[in-house]
């Protein structure tokens, strides 16, 4: 047991990158507002820029904008000026995203990582969330980011914010070329647990049932969310093994 009450996190379905589609782009402020209007929680992706943070999933800009290059190589101001494909919106800064949500619905913040030991995104997110007035959790695939926030949460002013690990059954080299064999083994077998001690898990629905989320729920009392659910039928199966779904492309 973690001791943190996360009933609010699992009370409503979580819109993956906001409620996007129909002219609303993933991780946009419009998609966030649509999720709020629909009574859903929001999952978003946050990564570091040269001088700040933006809400954006990809490491590079090509898929979602008319620009090219790595997000990390641009300033936040320059990214905020870039239009998202097929929308009237631009890439939002994390500050603008938080202001738009304003604590009106639970927010799941996923920290993106190059798995290179750089803690910048965790430090910057902690600085922004230390005084955020709303229900929020932080999660990441990268155990180093979560371990850092676990160890330094009190000093950073975010010890009250629940931390989660995003995981799946395996980390094949073809899909995770940035990971060393040691890191792949650590993540596959959850060997980072003594350092991360997650308050919740977010698990790949394709890997259910699986021993790690099962034991987290049944033995440790840790809530489990599952991603990414894209149909009512998939949601029905997932709910046998998890406490809440992270969804897109349908309305649960």
C-alpha atoms as a PDB file:
ATOM      1  CA  UNK A   1       0.000   0.000   0.000  1.00  0.00           C
ATOM      2  CA  UNK A   2       1.241   3.512  -0.828  1.00  0.00           C
ATOM      3  CA  UNK A   3      -0.916   5.394   1.633  1.00  0.00           C
ATOM      4  CA  UNK A   4      -2.145   7.833  -1.031  1.00  0.00           C
ATOM      5  CA  UNK A   5      -5.857   7.910  -1.853  1.00  0.00           C
ATOM      6  CA  UNK A   6      -6.097   7.595  -5.624  1.00  0.00           C
ATOM      7  CA  UNK A   7      -9.835   6.994  -5.876  1.00  0.00           C
ATOM      8  CA  UNK A   8     -10.119  10.246  -7.857  1.00  0.00           C
ATOM      9  CA  UNK A   9      -7.630   8.986 -10.451  1.00  0.00           C
ATOM     10  CA  UNK A  10      -9.664   5.901 -11.300  1.00  0.00           C
ATOM     11  CA  UNK A  11     -13.122   7.470 -10.946  1.00  0.00           C
ATOM     12  CA  UNK A  12     -13.486   8.372 -14.641  1.00  0.00           C
ATOM     13  CA  UNK A  13     -11.986   7.180 -17.944  1.00  0.00           C
ATOM     14  CA  UNK A  14      -8.784   8.942 -18.953  1.00  0.00           C
ATOM     15  CA  UNK A  15      -8.686  10.558 -22.394  1.00  0.00           C
ATOM     16  CA  UNK A  16      -5.390   9.631 -24.071  1.00  0.00           C
ATOM     17  CA  UNK A  17      -3.663  12.908 -25.039  1.00  0.00           C
ATOM     18  CA  UNK A  18      -6.975  14.629 -24.419  1.00  0.00           C
ATOM     19  CA  UNK A  19     -10.230  14.011 -26.260  1.00  0.00           C
ATOM     20  CA  UNK A  20      -8.869  14.428 -29.785  1.00  0.00           C
ATOM     21  CA  UNK A  21     -10.360  13.764 -33.206  1.00  0.00           C
ATOM     22  CA  UNK A  22     -12.900  15.617 -35.314  1.00  0.00           C
ATOM     23  CA  UNK A  23     -10.555  18.548 -35.840  1.00  0.00           C
ATOM     24  CA  UNK A  24      -8.973  18.451 -32.395  1.00  0.00           C
ATOM     25  CA  UNK A  25      -5.329  17.367 -32.301  1.00  0.00           C
ATOM     26  CA  UNK A  26      -3.754  15.208 -29.607  1.00  0.00           C
ATOM     27  CA  UNK A  27      -2.191  17.032 -26.658  1.00  0.00           C
ATOM     28  CA  UNK A  28      -3.787  20.316 -27.676  1.00  0.00           C
ATOM     29  CA  UNK A  29      -5.606  22.686 -25.360  1.00  0.00           C
ATOM     30  CA  UNK A  30      -8.741  22.108 -27.439  1.00  0.00           C
ATOM     31  CA  UNK A  31      -8.516  18.356 -26.817  1.00  0.00           C
ATOM     32  CA  UNK A  32      -8.084  19.032 -23.108  1.00  0.00           C
ATOM     33  CA  UNK A  33     -11.137  21.267 -22.987  1.00  0.00           C
ATOM     34  CA  UNK A  34     -13.159  18.647 -24.868  1.00  0.00           C
ATOM     35  CA  UNK A  35     -12.190  16.038 -22.290  1.00  0.00           C
ATOM     36  CA  UNK A  36     -13.254  18.340 -19.473  1.00  0.00           C
ATOM     37  CA  UNK A  37     -16.602  18.958 -21.172  1.00  0.00           C
ATOM     38  CA  UNK A  38     -17.115  15.190 -21.529  1.00  0.00           C
ATOM     39  CA  UNK A  39     -16.337  14.573 -17.852  1.00  0.00           C
ATOM     40  CA  UNK A  40     -13.091  12.693 -18.530  1.00  0.00           C
ATOM     41  CA  UNK A  41      -9.659  12.839 -16.980  1.00  0.00           C
ATOM     42  CA  UNK A  42      -6.740  13.805 -19.225  1.00  0.00           C
ATOM     43  CA  UNK A  43      -3.428  12.123 -20.007  1.00  0.00           C
ATOM     44  CA  UNK A  44      -0.803  14.321 -21.640  1.00  0.00           C
ATOM     45  CA  UNK A  45       2.829  14.024 -22.731  1.00  0.00           C
ATOM     46  CA  UNK A  46       5.379  16.556 -21.553  1.00  0.00           C
ATOM     47  CA  UNK A  47       8.923  17.036 -22.750  1.00  0.00           C
ATOM     48  CA  UNK A  48      11.711  19.517 -22.280  1.00  0.00           C
ATOM     49  CA  UNK A  49      12.554  22.250 -24.749  1.00  0.00           C
ATOM     50  CA  UNK A  50      15.759  24.282 -24.785  1.00  0.00           C
ATOM     51  CA  UNK A  51      14.381  26.491 -22.033  1.00  0.00           C
ATOM     52  CA  UNK A  52      11.101  25.062 -20.760  1.00  0.00           C
ATOM     53  CA  UNK A  53       8.359  22.503 -21.349  1.00  0.00           C
ATOM     54  CA  UNK A  54       5.738  21.736 -23.996  1.00  0.00           C
ATOM     55  CA  UNK A  55       2.869  19.278 -24.221  1.00  0.00           C
ATOM     56  CA  UNK A  56       3.851  17.129 -27.189  1.00  0.00           C
ATOM     57  CA  UNK A  57       4.291  13.400 -27.696  1.00  0.00           C
ATOM     58  CA  UNK A  58       6.885  12.895 -30.431  1.00  0.00           C
ATOM     59  CA  UNK A  59      10.598  13.520 -30.080  1.00  0.00           C
ATOM     60  CA  UNK A  60      10.525  15.233 -33.482  1.00  0.00           C
ATOM     61  CA  UNK A  61       8.097  17.667 -35.111  1.00  0.00           C
ATOM     62  CA  UNK A  62       7.391  16.117 -38.508  1.00  0.00           C
ATOM     63  CA  UNK A  63       4.239  14.079 -37.777  1.00  0.00           C
ATOM     64  CA  UNK A  64       2.245  16.817 -36.114  1.00  0.00           C
ATOM     65  CA  UNK A  65       3.581  20.044 -37.634  1.00  0.00           C
ATOM     66  CA  UNK A  66       5.004  21.409 -40.896  1.00  0.00           C
ATOM     67  CA  UNK A  67       8.374  21.814 -39.187  1.00  0.00           C
ATOM     68  CA  UNK A  68      11.293  19.424 -38.710  1.00  0.00           C
ATOM     69  CA  UNK A  69      13.813  18.624 -36.013  1.00  0.00           C
ATOM     70  CA  UNK A  70      13.890  17.631 -32.371  1.00  0.00           C
ATOM     71  CA  UNK A  71      11.606  19.364 -29.877  1.00  0.00           C
ATOM     72  CA  UNK A  72      14.528  19.648 -27.461  1.00  0.00           C
ATOM     73  CA  UNK A  73      16.435  21.837 -29.917  1.00  0.00           C
ATOM     74  CA  UNK A  74      13.812  24.609 -29.978  1.00  0.00           C
ATOM     75  CA  UNK A  75      12.783  27.228 -27.442  1.00  0.00           C
ATOM     76  CA  UNK A  76       9.340  27.043 -25.914  1.00  0.00           C
ATOM     77  CA  UNK A  77       8.351  30.343 -27.511  1.00  0.00           C
ATOM     78  CA  UNK A  78       9.276  29.126 -30.996  1.00  0.00           C
ATOM     79  CA  UNK A  79       7.347  25.885 -30.495  1.00  0.00           C
ATOM     80  CA  UNK A  80       4.278  27.783 -29.276  1.00  0.00           C
ATOM     81  CA  UNK A  81       4.247  29.568 -32.637  1.00  0.00           C
ATOM     82  CA  UNK A  82       4.094  26.290 -34.617  1.00  0.00           C
ATOM     83  CA  UNK A  83       0.667  25.265 -35.889  1.00  0.00           C
ATOM     84  CA  UNK A  84      -0.517  21.712 -35.320  1.00  0.00           C
ATOM     85  CA  UNK A  85      -1.453  19.889 -38.516  1.00  0.00           C
ATOM     86  CA  UNK A  86      -5.145  20.065 -39.341  1.00  0.00           C
ATOM     87  CA  UNK A  87      -5.987  22.485 -36.555  1.00  0.00           C
ATOM     88  CA  UNK A  88      -6.150  26.164 -35.735  1.00  0.00           C
ATOM     89  CA  UNK A  89      -4.085  25.599 -32.588  1.00  0.00           C
ATOM     90  CA  UNK A  90      -0.373  25.645 -31.920  1.00  0.00           C
ATOM     91  CA  UNK A  91       1.844  23.503 -29.696  1.00  0.00           C
ATOM     92  CA  UNK A  92       0.972  24.413 -26.093  1.00  0.00           C
ATOM     93  CA  UNK A  93       3.511  25.127 -23.413  1.00  0.00           C
ATOM     94  CA  UNK A  94       3.021  23.115 -20.249  1.00  0.00           C
ATOM     95  CA  UNK A  95       2.270  26.324 -18.366  1.00  0.00           C
ATOM     96  CA  UNK A  96      -0.505  27.251 -20.801  1.00  0.00           C
ATOM     97  CA  UNK A  97      -1.891  23.723 -20.657  1.00  0.00           C
ATOM     98  CA  UNK A  98      -2.071  23.784 -16.855  1.00  0.00           C
ATOM     99  CA  UNK A  99      -3.747  27.182 -16.915  1.00  0.00           C
ATOM    100  CA  UNK A 100      -6.361  25.969 -19.407  1.00  0.00           C
ATOM    101  CA  UNK A 101      -7.219  22.939 -17.265  1.00  0.00           C
ATOM    102  CA  UNK A 102      -7.172  24.873 -14.016  1.00  0.00           C
ATOM    103  CA  UNK A 103      -7.735  21.847 -11.810  1.00  0.00           C
ATOM    104  CA  UNK A 104     -11.135  21.072 -13.334  1.00  0.00           C
ATOM    105  CA  UNK A 105     -10.369  17.404 -14.016  1.00  0.00           C
ATOM    106  CA  UNK A 106      -7.685  14.869 -13.015  1.00  0.00           C
ATOM    107  CA  UNK A 107      -4.496  15.234 -15.014  1.00  0.00           C
ATOM    108  CA  UNK A 108      -1.995  12.455 -15.776  1.00  0.00           C
ATOM    109  CA  UNK A 109       1.362  13.924 -16.800  1.00  0.00           C
ATOM    110  CA  UNK A 110       3.645  11.522 -18.664  1.00  0.00           C
ATOM    111  CA  UNK A 111       7.284  12.564 -18.728  1.00  0.00           C
ATOM    112  CA  UNK A 112       8.981  11.775 -22.035  1.00  0.00           C
ATOM    113  CA  UNK A 113      12.583  10.622 -21.914  1.00  0.00           C
ATOM    114  CA  UNK A 114      15.618   9.715 -24.022  1.00  0.00           C
ATOM    115  CA  UNK A 115      16.738   7.329 -21.253  1.00  0.00           C
ATOM    116  CA  UNK A 116      20.072   9.136 -21.103  1.00  0.00           C
ATOM    117  CA  UNK A 117      20.040  10.104 -17.438  1.00  0.00           C
ATOM    118  CA  UNK A 118      18.934  13.693 -18.111  1.00  0.00           C
ATOM    119  CA  UNK A 119      16.586  14.747 -15.290  1.00  0.00           C
ATOM    120  CA  UNK A 120      15.672  18.143 -16.741  1.00  0.00           C
ATOM    121  CA  UNK A 121      12.069  17.314 -17.612  1.00  0.00           C
ATOM    122  CA  UNK A 122      11.410  15.941 -14.111  1.00  0.00           C
ATOM    123  CA  UNK A 123      12.915  18.993 -12.428  1.00  0.00           C
ATOM    124  CA  UNK A 124      10.985  21.450 -14.590  1.00  0.00           C
ATOM    125  CA  UNK A 125       7.686  19.611 -14.206  1.00  0.00           C
ATOM    126  CA  UNK A 126       8.156  19.467 -10.436  1.00  0.00           C
ATOM    127  CA  UNK A 127       8.730  23.232 -10.380  1.00  0.00           C
ATOM    128  CA  UNK A 128       5.462  23.828 -12.260  1.00  0.00           C
ATOM    129  CA  UNK A 129       3.397  21.353 -10.265  1.00  0.00           C
ATOM    130  CA  UNK A 130       4.628  22.318  -6.801  1.00  0.00           C
ATOM    131  CA  UNK A 131       1.894  24.959  -6.600  1.00  0.00           C
ATOM    132  CA  UNK A 132      -0.639  23.533  -9.061  1.00  0.00           C
ATOM    133  CA  UNK A 133      -4.097  23.554  -7.505  1.00  0.00           C
ATOM    134  CA  UNK A 134      -5.749  20.463  -8.943  1.00  0.00           C
ATOM    135  CA  UNK A 135      -5.700  16.665  -8.998  1.00  0.00           C
ATOM    136  CA  UNK A 136      -2.534  15.527 -10.793  1.00  0.00           C
ATOM    137  CA  UNK A 137      -0.201  12.543 -11.021  1.00  0.00           C
ATOM    138  CA  UNK A 138       3.142  12.119 -12.766  1.00  0.00           C
ATOM    139  CA  UNK A 139       4.212   8.975 -14.629  1.00  0.00           C
ATOM    140  CA  UNK A 140       6.952   7.811 -16.977  1.00  0.00           C
ATOM    141  CA  UNK A 141       8.391   4.791 -18.712  1.00  0.00           C
ATOM    142  CA  UNK A 142      11.795   5.951 -17.463  1.00  0.00           C
ATOM    143  CA  UNK A 143      12.369   4.625 -13.939  1.00  0.00           C
ATOM    144  CA  UNK A 144      15.189   7.117 -13.382  1.00  0.00           C
ATOM    145  CA  UNK A 145      12.788  10.063 -13.596  1.00  0.00           C
ATOM    146  CA  UNK A 146      10.350   8.498 -11.150  1.00  0.00           C
ATOM    147  CA  UNK A 147      13.131   7.392  -8.796  1.00  0.00           C
ATOM    148  CA  UNK A 148      14.475  10.961  -8.797  1.00  0.00           C
ATOM    149  CA  UNK A 149      11.072  12.445  -7.958  1.00  0.00           C
ATOM    150  CA  UNK A 150      10.555   9.793  -5.288  1.00  0.00           C
ATOM    151  CA  UNK A 151      13.874  10.613  -3.637  1.00  0.00           C
ATOM    152  CA  UNK A 152      13.698  14.396  -4.051  1.00  0.00           C
ATOM    153  CA  UNK A 153       9.958  14.997  -3.842  1.00  0.00           C
ATOM    154  CA  UNK A 154      10.021  16.740  -0.481  1.00  0.00           C
ATOM    155  CA  UNK A 155      12.884  19.031  -1.452  1.00  0.00           C
ATOM    156  CA  UNK A 156      11.149  19.850  -4.738  1.00  0.00           C
ATOM    157  CA  UNK A 157       7.795  20.495  -3.076  1.00  0.00           C
ATOM    158  CA  UNK A 158       5.987  17.660  -4.855  1.00  0.00           C
ATOM    159  CA  UNK A 159       6.007  14.867  -2.269  1.00  0.00           C
ATOM    160  CA  UNK A 160       2.203  15.102  -2.236  1.00  0.00           C
ATOM    161  CA  UNK A 161       1.914  14.231  -5.958  1.00  0.00           C
ATOM    162  CA  UNK A 162       1.422  10.508  -6.705  1.00  0.00           C
ATOM    163  CA  UNK A 163       3.998   8.900  -8.982  1.00  0.00           C
ATOM    164  CA  UNK A 164       3.421   6.111 -11.481  1.00  0.00           C
ATOM    165  CA  UNK A 165       5.386   3.817 -13.740  1.00  0.00           C
ATOM    166  CA  UNK A 166       4.245   3.172 -17.308  1.00  0.00           C
ATOM    167  CA  UNK A 167       5.108  -0.384 -18.253  1.00  0.00           C
ATOM    168  CA  UNK A 168       4.671  -3.365 -20.487  1.00  0.00           C
ATOM    169  CA  UNK A 169       5.682  -6.997 -20.617  1.00  0.00           C
ATOM    170  CA  UNK A 170       8.951  -6.600 -22.520  1.00  0.00           C
ATOM    171  CA  UNK A 171      11.347  -4.153 -24.119  1.00  0.00           C
ATOM    172  CA  UNK A 172      12.684  -5.641 -27.338  1.00  0.00           C
ATOM    173  CA  UNK A 173      15.798  -4.051 -28.781  1.00  0.00           C
ATOM    174  CA  UNK A 174      14.019  -3.340 -32.073  1.00  0.00           C
ATOM    175  CA  UNK A 175      11.425  -1.192 -30.290  1.00  0.00           C
ATOM    176  CA  UNK A 176      13.669   0.197 -27.562  1.00  0.00           C
ATOM    177  CA  UNK A 177      17.107   0.665 -29.180  1.00  0.00           C
ATOM    178  CA  UNK A 178      18.083   3.374 -26.679  1.00  0.00           C
ATOM    179  CA  UNK A 179      18.003   0.917 -23.751  1.00  0.00           C
ATOM    180  CA  UNK A 180      21.010  -1.054 -22.598  1.00  0.00           C
ATOM    181  CA  UNK A 181      20.493  -4.775 -21.974  1.00  0.00           C
ATOM    182  CA  UNK A 182      20.709  -4.050 -18.243  1.00  0.00           C
ATOM    183  CA  UNK A 183      18.018  -1.390 -18.429  1.00  0.00           C
ATOM    184  CA  UNK A 184      15.755  -3.651 -20.511  1.00  0.00           C
ATOM    185  CA  UNK A 185      16.077  -6.378 -17.864  1.00  0.00           C
ATOM    186  CA  UNK A 186      15.408  -3.899 -15.057  1.00  0.00           C
ATOM    187  CA  UNK A 187      12.253  -2.599 -16.695  1.00  0.00           C
ATOM    188  CA  UNK A 188      10.977  -6.008 -17.821  1.00  0.00           C
ATOM    189  CA  UNK A 189      11.282  -7.517 -14.350  1.00  0.00           C
ATOM    190  CA  UNK A 190      10.419  -4.327 -12.439  1.00  0.00           C
ATOM    191  CA  UNK A 191      13.743  -4.435 -10.620  1.00  0.00           C
ATOM    192  CA  UNK A 192      13.583  -0.662 -10.114  1.00  0.00           C
ATOM    193  CA  UNK A 193      10.717  -1.041  -7.620  1.00  0.00           C
ATOM    194  CA  UNK A 194      12.808  -0.324  -4.483  1.00  0.00           C
ATOM    195  CA  UNK A 195      13.769   3.037  -6.015  1.00  0.00           C
ATOM    196  CA  UNK A 196      10.569   4.015  -7.793  1.00  0.00           C
ATOM    197  CA  UNK A 197       7.960   2.617  -5.347  1.00  0.00           C
ATOM    198  CA  UNK A 198       5.103   3.688  -7.644  1.00  0.00           C
ATOM    199  CA  UNK A 199       1.756   4.790  -6.263  1.00  0.00           C
ATOM    200  CA  UNK A 200       0.061   3.429  -9.402  1.00  0.00           C
ATOM    201  CA  UNK A 201       0.859   1.620 -12.649  1.00  0.00           C
ATOM    202  CA  UNK A 202      -0.150   2.350 -16.218  1.00  0.00           C
ATOM    203  CA  UNK A 203       0.121  -0.873 -18.230  1.00  0.00           C
ATOM    204  CA  UNK A 204      -0.051  -1.886 -21.868  1.00  0.00           C
ATOM    205  CA  UNK A 205      -3.478  -3.436 -22.424  1.00  0.00           C
ATOM    206  CA  UNK A 206      -2.027  -5.775 -25.046  1.00  0.00           C
ATOM    207  CA  UNK A 207      -0.028  -7.500 -22.288  1.00  0.00           C
ATOM    208  CA  UNK A 208      -2.926  -8.332 -19.990  1.00  0.00           C
ATOM    209  CA  UNK A 209      -3.166 -10.421 -17.944  1.00  0.00           C
ATOM    210  CA  UNK A 210       0.320  -9.979 -16.548  1.00  0.00           C
ATOM    211  CA  UNK A 211       1.874 -10.808 -13.188  1.00  0.00           C
ATOM    212  CA  UNK A 212       3.222  -7.350 -12.381  1.00  0.00           C
ATOM    213  CA  UNK A 213      -0.047  -5.337 -12.591  1.00  0.00           C
ATOM    214  CA  UNK A 214      -1.933  -8.290 -11.070  1.00  0.00           C
ATOM    215  CA  UNK A 215       0.303  -8.375  -8.001  1.00  0.00           C
ATOM    216  CA  UNK A 216       0.316  -4.583  -7.801  1.00  0.00           C
ATOM    217  CA  UNK A 217      -3.469  -4.556  -7.473  1.00  0.00           C
ATOM    218  CA  UNK A 218      -3.998  -7.696  -5.430  1.00  0.00           C
ATOM    219  CA  UNK A 219      -0.994  -7.701  -3.108  1.00  0.00           C
ATOM    220  CA  UNK A 220       0.046  -4.051  -2.830  1.00  0.00           C
ATOM    221  CA  UNK A 221      -3.272  -2.298  -3.393  1.00  0.00           C
ATOM    222  CA  UNK A 222      -1.778  -0.173  -6.159  1.00  0.00           C
ATOM    223  CA  UNK A 223      -4.291   1.097  -8.767  1.00  0.00           C
ATOM    224  CA  UNK A 224      -3.670   0.073 -12.370  1.00  0.00           C
ATOM    225  CA  UNK A 225      -4.691   1.997 -15.472  1.00  0.00           C
ATOM    226  CA  UNK A 226      -4.315   0.463 -18.932  1.00  0.00           C
ATOM    227  CA  UNK A 227      -3.499   1.950 -22.341  1.00  0.00           C
ATOM    228  CA  UNK A 228      -4.510   2.444 -25.041  1.00  0.00           C
ATOM    229  CA  UNK A 229      -8.122   1.258 -25.271  1.00  0.00           C
ATOM    230  CA  UNK A 230      -9.766   1.899 -28.646  1.00  0.00           C
ATOM    231  CA  UNK A 231     -13.105   0.044 -28.479  1.00  0.00           C
ATOM    232  CA  UNK A 232     -15.859  -0.889 -26.043  1.00  0.00           C
ATOM    233  CA  UNK A 233     -15.004  -4.568 -26.445  1.00  0.00           C
ATOM    234  CA  UNK A 234     -11.364  -3.931 -25.571  1.00  0.00           C
ATOM    235  CA  UNK A 235     -12.461  -1.877 -22.572  1.00  0.00           C
ATOM    236  CA  UNK A 236     -14.609  -4.731 -21.260  1.00  0.00           C
ATOM    237  CA  UNK A 237     -11.652  -7.113 -21.312  1.00  0.00           C
ATOM    238  CA  UNK A 238      -9.248  -4.573 -19.833  1.00  0.00           C
ATOM    239  CA  UNK A 239     -11.500  -3.788 -16.894  1.00  0.00           C
ATOM    240  CA  UNK A 240     -11.158  -7.378 -15.689  1.00  0.00           C
ATOM    241  CA  UNK A 241      -7.510  -6.639 -14.923  1.00  0.00           C
ATOM    242  CA  UNK A 242      -7.363  -2.897 -14.281  1.00  0.00           C
ATOM    243  CA  UNK A 243      -9.057  -0.105 -12.380  1.00  0.00           C
ATOM    244  CA  UNK A 244      -9.448   2.386 -15.220  1.00  0.00           C
ATOM    245  CA  UNK A 245      -8.813   2.752 -18.945  1.00  0.00           C
ATOM    246  CA  UNK A 246      -6.831   5.267 -20.969  1.00  0.00           C
ATOM    247  CA  UNK A 247      -8.837   5.561 -24.188  1.00  0.00           C
ATOM    248  CA  UNK A 248      -9.017   7.157 -27.633  1.00  0.00           C
ATOM    249  CA  UNK A 249     -11.031   6.854 -30.873  1.00  0.00           C
ATOM    250  CA  UNK A 250     -14.252   5.882 -29.081  1.00  0.00           C
ATOM    251  CA  UNK A 251     -16.383   7.139 -26.194  1.00  0.00           C
ATOM    252  CA  UNK A 252     -16.507   4.766 -23.202  1.00  0.00           C
END
